[in-house]
């Protein structure tokens, strides 16, 4: 085989491998969560064992979660939680029927203009003095912009998110299970993202590992 042919085949092979690698990277994204769970099933009644599936429950909402427009997003969050709990054999009771457990779920998002480790521009423009923090230009005392970069800086938002699930013994109101998952990153809010966080928060339910742990969930793009 001619050297030129060998080189061509090698280039094709390398190109194919790179395409596969890039395709694999683009097919999923990682949601890394810091998770901590607390199981106190004994608080329901003395000597109560860890409940085995199947189990039924009702969702419980705070007054603020019943108000519009929060009620719509709360309903979506509960729908996602219902799907995750179903994997553990827990199903939502039908309306008008009793259940031994109640489940409440909450979520929060803090949007930052940039990641905590990214500092806004704060430099010195020769001949004009210091640039204003967070700006790539210098403004005179009269308010005139006297310098602007050829390529303006665009900051990418950074999000700090958390979900929390609390299970109570319906008869006594005592909290028997509490878990939360926290995730920081640039991903936009999607059902897949929140499902991944709920999957992480409820990993090991109803008998989770003790202590703070990291749970990574891959989400299809």
N, C-alpha and C. Protein backbone atom coordinates (compact mmCIF):
# COMPACT_ATOMS: atom_id res chain seq x y z
N UNK A 1 0.85 -1.20 0.00
CA UNK A 1 0.00 0.00 0.00
C UNK A 1 0.88 1.25 0.00
N UNK A 2 0.50 2.20 -0.83
CA UNK A 2 1.30 3.41 -0.94
C UNK A 2 1.24 4.22 0.35
N UNK A 3 2.36 4.93 0.66
CA UNK A 3 2.37 5.77 1.87
C UNK A 3 1.25 6.79 1.87
N UNK A 4 0.96 7.37 0.70
CA UNK A 4 -0.10 8.38 0.64
C UNK A 4 -1.45 7.78 0.99
N UNK A 5 -1.66 6.53 0.57
CA UNK A 5 -2.92 5.86 0.89
C UNK A 5 -3.03 5.57 2.38
N UNK A 6 -1.91 5.15 2.96
CA UNK A 6 -1.88 4.89 4.41
C UNK A 6 -2.19 6.16 5.19
N UNK A 7 -1.56 7.25 4.77
CA UNK A 7 -1.80 8.53 5.46
C UNK A 7 -3.26 8.94 5.34
N UNK A 8 -3.85 8.72 4.18
CA UNK A 8 -5.25 9.08 3.97
C UNK A 8 -6.16 8.26 4.88
N UNK A 9 -5.87 6.95 4.99
CA UNK A 9 -6.67 6.09 5.84
C UNK A 9 -6.54 6.48 7.31
N UNK A 10 -5.32 6.84 7.71
CA UNK A 10 -5.10 7.27 9.09
C UNK A 10 -5.88 8.54 9.40
N UNK A 11 -5.86 9.48 8.44
CA UNK A 11 -6.59 10.74 8.65
C UNK A 11 -8.09 10.47 8.79
N UNK A 12 -8.60 9.57 7.94
CA UNK A 12 -10.02 9.23 8.02
C UNK A 12 -10.36 8.57 9.36
N UNK A 13 -9.46 7.69 9.82
CA UNK A 13 -9.71 7.02 11.11
C UNK A 13 -9.72 8.00 12.26
N UNK A 14 -8.73 8.91 12.28
CA UNK A 14 -8.66 9.92 13.33
C UNK A 14 -9.88 10.83 13.29
N UNK A 15 -10.28 11.23 12.08
CA UNK A 15 -11.46 12.09 11.94
C UNK A 15 -12.70 11.39 12.46
N UNK A 16 -12.82 10.09 12.14
CA UNK A 16 -13.98 9.34 12.62
C UNK A 16 -14.01 9.22 14.13
N UNK A 17 -12.84 8.97 14.73
CA UNK A 17 -12.79 8.87 16.19
C UNK A 17 -13.13 10.18 16.86
N UNK A 18 -12.63 11.28 16.29
CA UNK A 18 -12.95 12.59 16.86
C UNK A 18 -14.44 12.88 16.76
N UNK A 19 -15.03 12.52 15.62
CA UNK A 19 -16.47 12.74 15.45
C UNK A 19 -17.27 11.95 16.47
N UNK A 20 -16.85 10.69 16.71
CA UNK A 20 -17.54 9.88 17.70
C UNK A 20 -17.40 10.46 19.10
N UNK A 21 -16.19 10.92 19.41
CA UNK A 21 -15.94 11.49 20.74
C UNK A 21 -16.76 12.74 20.95
N UNK A 22 -16.76 13.61 19.94
CA UNK A 22 -17.53 14.84 20.07
C UNK A 22 -19.02 14.55 20.12
N UNK A 23 -19.45 13.58 19.34
CA UNK A 23 -20.86 13.22 19.36
C UNK A 23 -21.28 12.68 20.70
N UNK A 24 -20.39 11.85 21.32
CA UNK A 24 -20.70 11.32 22.63
C UNK A 24 -20.77 12.40 23.69
N UNK A 25 -19.85 13.39 23.60
CA UNK A 25 -19.84 14.48 24.57
C UNK A 25 -21.09 15.34 24.43
N UNK A 26 -21.55 15.49 23.19
CA UNK A 26 -22.68 16.38 22.94
C UNK A 26 -24.01 15.71 23.25
N UNK A 27 -24.02 14.36 23.46
CA UNK A 27 -25.27 13.65 23.64
C UNK A 27 -25.83 13.77 25.05
N UNK A 28 -24.96 14.02 26.04
CA UNK A 28 -25.39 14.14 27.43
C UNK A 28 -24.65 15.30 28.09
N UNK A 29 -25.21 15.77 29.20
CA UNK A 29 -24.47 16.70 30.04
C UNK A 29 -24.59 16.24 31.49
N UNK A 30 -23.61 16.62 32.28
CA UNK A 30 -23.51 16.13 33.65
C UNK A 30 -24.11 17.12 34.64
N UNK A 31 -24.96 16.61 35.51
CA UNK A 31 -25.50 17.40 36.62
C UNK A 31 -24.91 16.84 37.90
N UNK A 32 -23.91 17.53 38.45
CA UNK A 32 -23.25 17.07 39.67
C UNK A 32 -23.94 17.71 40.88
N UNK A 33 -24.33 16.89 41.81
CA UNK A 33 -25.12 17.32 42.96
C UNK A 33 -24.42 17.01 44.27
N UNK A 34 -24.54 17.93 45.22
CA UNK A 34 -24.15 17.67 46.60
C UNK A 34 -25.43 17.29 47.35
N UNK A 35 -25.45 16.07 47.89
CA UNK A 35 -26.68 15.51 48.46
C UNK A 35 -26.45 15.16 49.92
N UNK A 36 -27.47 15.44 50.73
CA UNK A 36 -27.46 15.00 52.12
C UNK A 36 -28.88 14.60 52.50
N UNK A 37 -29.00 13.42 53.12
CA UNK A 37 -30.31 12.87 53.46
C UNK A 37 -30.35 12.45 54.92
N UNK A 38 -31.55 12.51 55.50
CA UNK A 38 -31.75 12.14 56.90
C UNK A 38 -33.01 11.26 56.98
N UNK A 39 -32.83 10.02 57.41
CA UNK A 39 -33.95 9.09 57.58
C UNK A 39 -34.21 8.88 59.06
N UNK A 40 -35.45 9.16 59.49
CA UNK A 40 -35.83 9.01 60.90
C UNK A 40 -37.19 8.30 60.98
N UNK A 41 -37.27 7.12 60.39
CA UNK A 41 -38.54 6.42 60.34
C UNK A 41 -39.01 6.03 61.73
N UNK A 42 -38.09 5.88 62.69
CA UNK A 42 -38.48 5.56 64.06
C UNK A 42 -39.32 6.66 64.69
N UNK A 43 -39.23 7.88 64.15
CA UNK A 43 -40.00 8.98 64.72
C UNK A 43 -41.50 8.84 64.44
N UNK A 44 -41.86 7.99 63.46
CA UNK A 44 -43.28 7.79 63.18
C UNK A 44 -43.95 7.10 64.37
N UNK A 45 -43.30 6.06 64.86
CA UNK A 45 -43.75 5.36 66.07
C UNK A 45 -42.59 4.51 66.55
N UNK A 46 -42.61 4.17 67.78
CA UNK A 46 -41.49 3.44 68.39
C UNK A 46 -41.21 2.14 67.63
N UNK A 47 -39.96 1.99 67.24
CA UNK A 47 -39.55 0.76 66.58
C UNK A 47 -40.06 0.59 65.16
N UNK A 48 -40.53 1.68 64.53
CA UNK A 48 -41.06 1.57 63.17
C UNK A 48 -39.96 1.19 62.19
N UNK A 49 -40.18 0.16 61.38
CA UNK A 49 -39.16 -0.23 60.41
C UNK A 49 -39.15 0.70 59.21
N UNK A 50 -38.12 0.58 58.40
CA UNK A 50 -38.08 1.32 57.14
C UNK A 50 -39.21 0.81 56.27
N UNK A 51 -40.09 1.69 55.79
CA UNK A 51 -41.25 1.23 55.00
C UNK A 51 -40.81 0.60 53.68
N UNK A 52 -41.38 -0.55 53.38
CA UNK A 52 -41.08 -1.25 52.15
C UNK A 52 -42.16 -0.97 51.11
N UNK A 53 -41.79 -0.94 49.84
CA UNK A 53 -42.80 -0.70 48.81
C UNK A 53 -43.76 -1.89 48.70
N UNK A 54 -44.99 -1.61 48.27
CA UNK A 54 -45.49 -0.31 47.79
C UNK A 54 -45.98 0.57 48.95
N UNK A 55 -45.90 1.88 48.75
CA UNK A 55 -46.39 2.86 49.72
C UNK A 55 -47.16 3.93 48.95
N UNK A 56 -48.10 4.56 49.66
CA UNK A 56 -48.86 5.65 49.03
C UNK A 56 -48.72 6.91 49.88
N UNK A 57 -48.90 8.06 49.25
CA UNK A 57 -48.71 9.33 49.93
C UNK A 57 -49.58 10.40 49.27
N UNK A 58 -49.71 11.52 49.96
CA UNK A 58 -50.32 12.72 49.41
C UNK A 58 -49.28 13.82 49.37
N UNK A 59 -49.35 14.69 48.36
CA UNK A 59 -48.51 15.87 48.37
C UNK A 59 -49.10 16.90 49.31
N UNK A 60 -48.20 17.60 50.00
CA UNK A 60 -48.59 18.65 50.93
C UNK A 60 -47.92 19.94 50.51
N UNK A 61 -48.68 21.04 50.46
CA UNK A 61 -48.12 22.32 50.03
C UNK A 61 -48.20 23.36 51.15
N UNK A 62 -47.18 24.23 51.14
CA UNK A 62 -47.23 25.42 51.99
C UNK A 62 -48.21 26.40 51.40
N UNK A 63 -48.73 27.33 52.21
CA UNK A 63 -49.67 28.32 51.66
C UNK A 63 -49.11 29.08 50.46
N UNK A 64 -47.82 29.43 50.51
CA UNK A 64 -47.22 30.18 49.41
C UNK A 64 -47.17 29.36 48.12
N UNK A 65 -47.09 28.03 48.25
CA UNK A 65 -47.02 27.17 47.07
C UNK A 65 -48.38 26.96 46.41
N UNK A 66 -49.43 27.42 47.09
CA UNK A 66 -50.77 27.29 46.52
C UNK A 66 -51.19 28.52 45.74
N UNK A 67 -50.40 29.59 45.86
CA UNK A 67 -50.77 30.85 45.22
C UNK A 67 -50.29 30.88 43.77
N UNK A 68 -51.07 31.51 42.91
CA UNK A 68 -50.65 31.71 41.52
C UNK A 68 -49.64 32.84 41.48
N UNK A 69 -48.64 32.84 40.56
CA UNK A 69 -48.34 31.81 39.55
C UNK A 69 -47.44 30.69 40.07
N UNK A 70 -47.12 30.69 41.36
CA UNK A 70 -46.23 29.66 41.90
C UNK A 70 -46.89 28.29 41.81
N UNK A 71 -48.22 28.26 41.90
CA UNK A 71 -48.92 26.98 41.91
C UNK A 71 -48.63 26.17 40.65
N UNK A 72 -48.52 26.83 39.50
CA UNK A 72 -48.26 26.11 38.25
C UNK A 72 -46.89 25.44 38.27
N UNK A 73 -45.86 26.19 38.67
CA UNK A 73 -44.52 25.61 38.73
C UNK A 73 -44.42 24.56 39.84
N UNK A 74 -45.16 24.76 40.92
CA UNK A 74 -45.17 23.76 42.00
C UNK A 74 -45.80 22.47 41.51
N UNK A 75 -46.85 22.60 40.72
CA UNK A 75 -47.50 21.41 40.17
C UNK A 75 -46.55 20.63 39.27
N UNK A 76 -45.75 21.33 38.47
CA UNK A 76 -44.78 20.67 37.61
C UNK A 76 -43.69 19.99 38.44
N UNK A 77 -43.25 20.65 39.51
CA UNK A 77 -42.23 20.07 40.38
C UNK A 77 -42.76 18.80 41.06
N UNK A 78 -44.00 18.83 41.48
CA UNK A 78 -44.60 17.65 42.10
C UNK A 78 -44.76 16.52 41.09
N UNK A 79 -45.07 16.86 39.84
CA UNK A 79 -45.20 15.84 38.80
C UNK A 79 -43.86 15.12 38.60
N UNK A 80 -42.77 15.88 38.57
CA UNK A 80 -41.45 15.28 38.41
C UNK A 80 -41.08 14.44 39.63
N UNK A 81 -41.43 14.93 40.81
CA UNK A 81 -41.15 14.18 42.05
C UNK A 81 -41.93 12.88 42.08
N UNK A 82 -43.17 12.94 41.61
CA UNK A 82 -44.00 11.73 41.56
C UNK A 82 -43.34 10.66 40.70
N UNK A 83 -42.77 11.06 39.57
CA UNK A 83 -42.10 10.11 38.68
C UNK A 83 -40.89 9.49 39.34
N UNK A 84 -40.13 10.30 40.08
CA UNK A 84 -38.92 9.77 40.74
C UNK A 84 -39.30 8.85 41.90
N UNK A 85 -40.31 9.22 42.70
CA UNK A 85 -40.74 8.37 43.81
C UNK A 85 -41.32 7.04 43.32
N UNK A 86 -41.92 7.07 42.14
CA UNK A 86 -42.49 5.84 41.59
C UNK A 86 -41.42 4.78 41.36
N UNK A 87 -40.19 5.22 41.09
CA UNK A 87 -39.08 4.27 40.90
C UNK A 87 -38.79 3.49 42.18
N UNK A 88 -39.15 4.08 43.34
CA UNK A 88 -38.92 3.43 44.64
C UNK A 88 -40.17 2.71 45.13
N UNK A 89 -41.22 2.67 44.29
CA UNK A 89 -42.44 1.97 44.68
C UNK A 89 -43.41 2.81 45.48
N UNK A 90 -43.23 4.13 45.47
CA UNK A 90 -44.14 5.04 46.15
C UNK A 90 -45.04 5.71 45.10
N UNK A 91 -46.35 5.64 45.32
CA UNK A 91 -47.29 6.23 44.37
C UNK A 91 -48.23 7.19 45.09
N UNK A 92 -48.67 8.18 44.36
CA UNK A 92 -49.56 9.19 44.94
C UNK A 92 -50.96 8.60 45.09
N UNK A 93 -51.56 8.81 46.27
CA UNK A 93 -52.91 8.31 46.53
C UNK A 93 -53.92 9.08 45.71
N UNK A 94 -55.00 8.43 45.35
CA UNK A 94 -56.05 9.10 44.60
C UNK A 94 -56.78 10.08 45.51
N UNK A 95 -57.38 11.08 44.89
CA UNK A 95 -58.07 12.12 45.65
C UNK A 95 -59.19 11.51 46.49
N UNK A 96 -59.29 11.98 47.72
CA UNK A 96 -60.34 11.53 48.61
C UNK A 96 -60.02 10.28 49.40
N UNK A 97 -58.81 9.73 49.20
CA UNK A 97 -58.41 8.55 49.96
C UNK A 97 -57.29 8.90 50.92
N UNK A 98 -57.19 8.14 51.98
CA UNK A 98 -56.16 8.40 52.96
C UNK A 98 -54.82 7.81 52.56
N UNK A 99 -53.75 8.28 53.22
CA UNK A 99 -52.39 7.79 52.96
C UNK A 99 -51.59 7.94 54.24
N UNK A 100 -50.67 7.01 54.52
CA UNK A 100 -49.89 7.10 55.75
C UNK A 100 -48.80 8.16 55.72
N UNK A 101 -48.49 8.69 54.53
CA UNK A 101 -47.39 9.64 54.40
C UNK A 101 -47.82 10.87 53.62
N UNK A 102 -47.16 11.99 53.93
CA UNK A 102 -47.29 13.19 53.12
C UNK A 102 -45.91 13.58 52.62
N UNK A 103 -45.86 14.14 51.42
CA UNK A 103 -44.60 14.54 50.81
C UNK A 103 -44.69 16.00 50.41
N UNK A 104 -43.69 16.77 50.78
CA UNK A 104 -43.61 18.16 50.34
C UNK A 104 -42.28 18.34 49.62
N UNK A 105 -42.30 19.11 48.53
CA UNK A 105 -41.10 19.33 47.73
C UNK A 105 -40.98 20.82 47.43
N UNK A 106 -39.77 21.32 47.48
CA UNK A 106 -39.52 22.74 47.18
C UNK A 106 -38.24 22.86 46.37
N UNK A 107 -38.13 23.95 45.65
CA UNK A 107 -36.96 24.20 44.82
C UNK A 107 -36.64 25.68 44.83
N UNK A 108 -35.37 26.00 44.66
CA UNK A 108 -34.96 27.40 44.62
C UNK A 108 -33.85 27.56 43.59
N UNK A 109 -33.80 28.76 43.00
CA UNK A 109 -32.78 29.10 42.02
C UNK A 109 -32.25 30.49 42.30
N UNK A 110 -30.95 30.63 42.36
CA UNK A 110 -30.30 31.93 42.49
C UNK A 110 -29.49 32.16 41.22
N UNK A 111 -29.85 33.20 40.48
CA UNK A 111 -29.16 33.51 39.23
C UNK A 111 -28.09 34.57 39.49
N UNK A 112 -26.85 34.23 39.17
CA UNK A 112 -25.73 35.15 39.30
C UNK A 112 -25.30 35.63 37.92
N UNK A 113 -24.79 36.85 37.81
CA UNK A 113 -24.35 37.35 36.49
C UNK A 113 -23.17 36.60 35.93
N UNK A 114 -22.39 35.97 36.81
CA UNK A 114 -21.21 35.22 36.39
C UNK A 114 -20.88 34.20 37.49
N UNK A 115 -20.00 33.27 37.18
CA UNK A 115 -19.58 32.30 38.18
C UNK A 115 -18.84 33.00 39.31
N UNK A 116 -18.89 32.47 40.53
CA UNK A 116 -18.25 33.14 41.68
C UNK A 116 -16.76 33.37 41.49
N UNK A 117 -16.09 32.52 40.70
CA UNK A 117 -14.65 32.67 40.53
C UNK A 117 -14.29 33.58 39.35
N UNK A 118 -15.29 34.09 38.65
CA UNK A 118 -15.03 34.97 37.52
C UNK A 118 -15.13 36.42 37.97
N UNK A 119 -14.04 37.15 37.94
CA UNK A 119 -14.03 38.54 38.37
C UNK A 119 -14.40 39.46 37.22
N UNK A 120 -15.18 40.50 37.50
CA UNK A 120 -15.45 41.49 36.45
C UNK A 120 -14.18 42.24 36.10
N UNK A 121 -14.14 42.77 34.89
CA UNK A 121 -12.96 43.50 34.44
C UNK A 121 -12.72 44.72 35.31
N UNK A 122 -11.49 44.88 35.72
CA UNK A 122 -11.14 46.05 36.51
C UNK A 122 -9.66 46.35 36.26
N UNK A 123 -9.42 47.16 35.25
CA UNK A 123 -8.04 47.43 34.85
C UNK A 123 -7.72 48.92 34.79
N UNK A 124 -6.58 49.23 34.17
CA UNK A 124 -6.12 50.62 34.06
C UNK A 124 -5.86 50.89 32.58
N UNK A 125 -6.54 51.91 32.07
CA UNK A 125 -6.35 52.27 30.66
C UNK A 125 -5.35 53.41 30.58
N UNK A 126 -4.18 53.17 29.96
CA UNK A 126 -3.12 54.19 29.94
C UNK A 126 -3.62 55.54 29.42
N UNK A 127 -3.30 56.57 30.19
CA UNK A 127 -3.66 57.92 29.78
C UNK A 127 -5.02 58.38 30.24
N UNK A 128 -5.86 57.42 30.71
CA UNK A 128 -7.21 57.81 31.09
C UNK A 128 -7.55 57.43 32.53
N UNK A 129 -6.74 56.56 33.14
CA UNK A 129 -7.02 56.19 34.52
C UNK A 129 -7.71 54.85 34.61
N UNK A 130 -8.22 54.53 35.80
CA UNK A 130 -8.79 53.20 36.03
C UNK A 130 -10.11 53.01 35.32
N UNK A 131 -10.31 51.81 34.83
CA UNK A 131 -11.62 51.46 34.27
C UNK A 131 -12.56 51.11 35.41
N UNK A 132 -13.85 51.35 35.19
CA UNK A 132 -14.83 51.05 36.22
C UNK A 132 -14.96 49.54 36.38
N UNK A 133 -15.12 49.04 37.62
CA UNK A 133 -15.30 47.60 37.82
C UNK A 133 -16.49 47.09 37.02
N UNK A 134 -16.27 45.99 36.33
CA UNK A 134 -17.34 45.39 35.55
C UNK A 134 -17.51 46.01 34.19
N UNK A 135 -16.65 46.98 33.79
CA UNK A 135 -16.77 47.61 32.49
C UNK A 135 -15.48 47.47 31.70
N UNK A 136 -15.62 47.43 30.38
CA UNK A 136 -14.46 47.35 29.50
C UNK A 136 -14.23 48.68 28.80
N UNK A 137 -14.63 49.75 29.42
CA UNK A 137 -14.45 51.06 28.82
C UNK A 137 -14.23 52.09 29.91
N UNK A 138 -13.84 53.32 29.50
CA UNK A 138 -13.59 54.41 30.43
C UNK A 138 -14.58 55.52 30.12
N UNK A 139 -15.15 56.11 31.16
CA UNK A 139 -16.11 57.19 31.00
C UNK A 139 -15.52 58.46 31.61
N UNK A 140 -15.58 59.59 30.87
CA UNK A 140 -15.07 60.86 31.37
C UNK A 140 -16.02 61.42 32.41
N UNK A 141 -15.60 62.54 33.03
CA UNK A 141 -16.45 63.16 34.04
C UNK A 141 -17.74 63.69 33.45
N UNK A 142 -17.73 63.96 32.16
CA UNK A 142 -18.94 64.46 31.50
C UNK A 142 -19.84 63.32 31.03
N UNK A 143 -19.40 62.10 31.25
CA UNK A 143 -20.22 60.96 30.87
C UNK A 143 -19.93 60.43 29.48
N UNK A 144 -18.89 60.95 28.84
CA UNK A 144 -18.58 60.51 27.47
C UNK A 144 -17.75 59.22 27.51
N UNK A 145 -18.16 58.25 26.70
CA UNK A 145 -17.41 57.01 26.58
C UNK A 145 -16.26 57.26 25.61
N UNK A 146 -15.05 57.06 26.08
CA UNK A 146 -13.89 57.38 25.25
C UNK A 146 -13.13 56.14 24.80
N UNK A 147 -13.59 54.98 25.24
CA UNK A 147 -12.96 53.77 24.74
C UNK A 147 -13.93 52.61 24.86
N UNK A 148 -13.98 51.79 23.82
CA UNK A 148 -14.81 50.61 23.81
C UNK A 148 -14.05 49.51 23.10
N UNK A 149 -14.00 48.31 23.65
CA UNK A 149 -13.25 47.25 23.00
C UNK A 149 -13.87 46.84 21.67
N UNK A 150 -13.04 46.30 20.80
CA UNK A 150 -13.54 45.83 19.52
C UNK A 150 -14.53 44.69 19.72
N UNK A 151 -14.27 43.86 20.73
CA UNK A 151 -15.15 42.73 21.02
C UNK A 151 -15.65 42.87 22.45
N UNK A 152 -16.85 43.43 22.66
CA UNK A 152 -17.37 43.63 24.01
C UNK A 152 -17.48 42.30 24.76
N UNK A 153 -17.30 42.36 26.07
CA UNK A 153 -17.39 41.18 26.90
C UNK A 153 -18.86 40.84 27.15
N UNK A 154 -19.19 39.57 27.07
CA UNK A 154 -20.54 39.11 27.36
C UNK A 154 -20.45 38.07 28.48
N UNK A 155 -21.10 38.36 29.58
CA UNK A 155 -21.05 37.46 30.71
C UNK A 155 -22.11 36.37 30.58
N UNK A 156 -21.76 35.18 31.05
CA UNK A 156 -22.67 34.05 31.01
C UNK A 156 -23.24 33.82 32.40
N UNK A 157 -24.57 33.82 32.54
CA UNK A 157 -25.16 33.63 33.87
C UNK A 157 -24.75 32.30 34.50
N UNK A 158 -24.75 32.30 35.81
CA UNK A 158 -24.38 31.11 36.59
C UNK A 158 -25.50 30.90 37.61
N UNK A 159 -25.93 29.64 37.77
CA UNK A 159 -27.10 29.35 38.60
C UNK A 159 -26.72 28.46 39.79
N UNK A 160 -27.28 28.80 40.93
CA UNK A 160 -27.17 27.97 42.13
C UNK A 160 -28.57 27.46 42.45
N UNK A 161 -28.74 26.14 42.38
CA UNK A 161 -30.08 25.55 42.53
C UNK A 161 -30.09 24.52 43.67
N UNK A 162 -31.28 24.35 44.23
CA UNK A 162 -31.45 23.37 45.29
C UNK A 162 -32.86 22.81 45.25
N UNK A 163 -32.99 21.51 45.52
CA UNK A 163 -34.31 20.89 45.72
C UNK A 163 -34.31 20.22 47.09
N UNK A 164 -35.48 20.19 47.70
CA UNK A 164 -35.62 19.56 49.01
C UNK A 164 -36.91 18.76 49.03
N UNK A 165 -36.84 17.54 49.54
CA UNK A 165 -38.01 16.68 49.67
C UNK A 165 -38.13 16.29 51.15
N UNK A 166 -39.34 16.45 51.68
CA UNK A 166 -39.61 16.12 53.09
C UNK A 166 -40.79 15.16 53.14
N UNK A 167 -40.62 14.05 53.86
CA UNK A 167 -41.69 13.08 54.06
C UNK A 167 -42.11 13.14 55.53
N UNK A 168 -43.43 13.22 55.75
CA UNK A 168 -43.97 13.26 57.11
C UNK A 168 -44.90 12.08 57.33
N UNK A 169 -44.95 11.64 58.59
CA UNK A 169 -45.93 10.65 59.00
C UNK A 169 -47.27 11.37 59.11
N UNK A 170 -48.24 10.97 58.30
CA UNK A 170 -49.49 11.72 58.20
C UNK A 170 -50.23 11.80 59.53
N UNK A 171 -50.22 10.74 60.30
CA UNK A 171 -51.00 10.71 61.54
C UNK A 171 -50.44 11.64 62.60
N UNK A 172 -49.11 11.79 62.65
CA UNK A 172 -48.48 12.59 63.70
C UNK A 172 -47.88 13.90 63.19
N UNK A 173 -47.68 14.00 61.89
CA UNK A 173 -47.05 15.19 61.32
C UNK A 173 -45.55 15.23 61.51
N UNK A 174 -44.96 14.17 62.06
CA UNK A 174 -43.53 14.16 62.31
C UNK A 174 -42.75 13.94 61.02
N UNK A 175 -41.62 14.63 60.90
CA UNK A 175 -40.75 14.46 59.74
C UNK A 175 -39.97 13.16 59.91
N UNK A 176 -40.10 12.27 58.93
CA UNK A 176 -39.42 10.98 59.00
C UNK A 176 -38.34 10.86 57.92
N UNK A 177 -38.34 11.77 56.98
CA UNK A 177 -37.32 11.72 55.92
C UNK A 177 -37.12 13.13 55.36
N UNK A 178 -35.86 13.51 55.24
CA UNK A 178 -35.52 14.82 54.68
C UNK A 178 -34.30 14.64 53.79
N UNK A 179 -34.36 15.22 52.61
CA UNK A 179 -33.22 15.12 51.71
C UNK A 179 -33.15 16.37 50.85
N UNK A 180 -31.93 16.75 50.48
CA UNK A 180 -31.76 17.91 49.61
C UNK A 180 -30.59 17.67 48.68
N UNK A 181 -30.70 18.27 47.50
CA UNK A 181 -29.62 18.21 46.51
C UNK A 181 -29.36 19.62 46.02
N UNK A 182 -28.07 19.98 45.94
CA UNK A 182 -27.66 21.31 45.47
C UNK A 182 -26.77 21.14 44.24
N UNK A 183 -27.01 21.99 43.25
CA UNK A 183 -26.23 21.94 42.02
C UNK A 183 -25.95 23.36 41.56
N UNK A 184 -24.70 23.62 41.20
CA UNK A 184 -24.29 24.91 40.64
C UNK A 184 -23.83 24.68 39.20
N UNK A 185 -24.21 25.59 38.32
CA UNK A 185 -23.76 25.44 36.94
C UNK A 185 -24.43 26.42 36.01
N UNK A 186 -24.17 26.26 34.74
CA UNK A 186 -24.69 27.18 33.73
C UNK A 186 -25.87 26.62 32.96
N UNK A 187 -26.29 25.38 33.26
CA UNK A 187 -27.39 24.79 32.50
C UNK A 187 -28.68 25.56 32.71
N UNK A 188 -29.46 25.67 31.64
CA UNK A 188 -30.76 26.32 31.73
C UNK A 188 -31.74 25.42 32.48
N UNK A 189 -32.79 26.03 33.01
CA UNK A 189 -33.80 25.28 33.73
C UNK A 189 -34.63 24.46 32.75
N UNK A 190 -34.64 23.13 32.92
CA UNK A 190 -35.42 22.23 32.10
C UNK A 190 -35.98 21.12 32.98
N UNK A 191 -37.05 20.43 32.55
CA UNK A 191 -37.53 19.28 33.34
C UNK A 191 -36.43 18.24 33.54
N UNK A 192 -35.57 18.04 32.52
CA UNK A 192 -34.49 17.08 32.66
C UNK A 192 -33.52 17.43 33.76
N UNK A 193 -33.21 18.73 33.89
CA UNK A 193 -32.29 19.17 34.94
C UNK A 193 -32.89 18.93 36.32
N UNK A 194 -34.15 19.33 36.51
CA UNK A 194 -34.78 19.16 37.82
C UNK A 194 -35.00 17.69 38.15
N UNK A 195 -35.32 16.88 37.14
CA UNK A 195 -35.46 15.45 37.37
C UNK A 195 -34.15 14.85 37.84
N UNK A 196 -33.05 15.29 37.23
CA UNK A 196 -31.73 14.80 37.64
C UNK A 196 -31.44 15.18 39.09
N UNK A 197 -31.80 16.38 39.49
CA UNK A 197 -31.57 16.79 40.87
C UNK A 197 -32.45 16.00 41.83
N UNK A 198 -33.69 15.72 41.43
CA UNK A 198 -34.57 14.92 42.28
C UNK A 198 -34.09 13.47 42.34
N UNK A 199 -33.61 12.95 41.22
CA UNK A 199 -33.03 11.60 41.22
C UNK A 199 -31.86 11.52 42.21
N UNK A 200 -31.04 12.57 42.20
CA UNK A 200 -29.89 12.59 43.10
C UNK A 200 -30.36 12.70 44.55
N UNK A 201 -31.31 13.58 44.81
CA UNK A 201 -31.79 13.79 46.18
C UNK A 201 -32.41 12.52 46.76
N UNK A 202 -33.08 11.74 45.91
CA UNK A 202 -33.78 10.55 46.39
C UNK A 202 -33.00 9.27 46.12
N UNK A 203 -31.74 9.40 45.79
CA UNK A 203 -30.92 8.20 45.61
C UNK A 203 -30.80 7.47 46.95
N UNK A 204 -31.07 6.17 46.94
CA UNK A 204 -31.02 5.38 48.17
C UNK A 204 -32.28 5.41 48.99
N UNK A 205 -33.28 6.21 48.61
CA UNK A 205 -34.54 6.28 49.34
C UNK A 205 -35.19 4.90 49.39
N UNK A 206 -35.70 4.48 50.56
CA UNK A 206 -35.89 5.20 51.82
C UNK A 206 -34.79 4.97 52.86
N UNK A 207 -33.69 4.31 52.46
CA UNK A 207 -32.59 4.05 53.41
C UNK A 207 -31.30 4.56 52.79
N UNK A 208 -31.05 5.88 52.83
CA UNK A 208 -29.92 6.47 52.11
C UNK A 208 -28.61 6.32 52.88
N UNK A 209 -27.48 6.52 52.20
CA UNK A 209 -26.20 6.58 52.91
C UNK A 209 -26.16 7.78 53.83
N UNK A 210 -25.34 7.72 54.86
CA UNK A 210 -25.21 8.84 55.78
C UNK A 210 -24.16 9.83 55.29
N UNK A 211 -24.33 11.08 55.70
CA UNK A 211 -23.34 12.11 55.39
C UNK A 211 -23.52 12.76 54.03
N UNK A 212 -22.73 13.80 53.83
CA UNK A 212 -22.75 14.53 52.56
C UNK A 212 -22.07 13.70 51.48
N UNK A 213 -22.66 13.64 50.31
CA UNK A 213 -22.11 12.86 49.22
C UNK A 213 -22.36 13.57 47.89
N UNK A 214 -21.58 13.20 46.90
CA UNK A 214 -21.77 13.74 45.56
C UNK A 214 -22.44 12.69 44.69
N UNK A 215 -23.48 13.12 44.00
CA UNK A 215 -24.21 12.23 43.10
C UNK A 215 -24.25 12.88 41.72
N UNK A 216 -23.64 12.23 40.76
CA UNK A 216 -23.60 12.74 39.39
C UNK A 216 -24.65 12.03 38.53
N UNK A 217 -25.42 12.83 37.81
CA UNK A 217 -26.47 12.30 36.94
C UNK A 217 -26.23 12.82 35.52
N UNK A 218 -26.21 11.92 34.55
CA UNK A 218 -26.09 12.33 33.16
C UNK A 218 -27.47 12.54 32.57
N UNK A 219 -27.63 13.65 31.86
CA UNK A 219 -28.93 14.01 31.27
C UNK A 219 -28.78 14.09 29.76
N UNK A 220 -29.65 13.41 29.00
CA UNK A 220 -29.59 13.53 27.54
C UNK A 220 -29.87 14.97 27.12
N UNK A 221 -29.15 15.42 26.11
CA UNK A 221 -29.37 16.77 25.60
C UNK A 221 -30.64 16.82 24.76
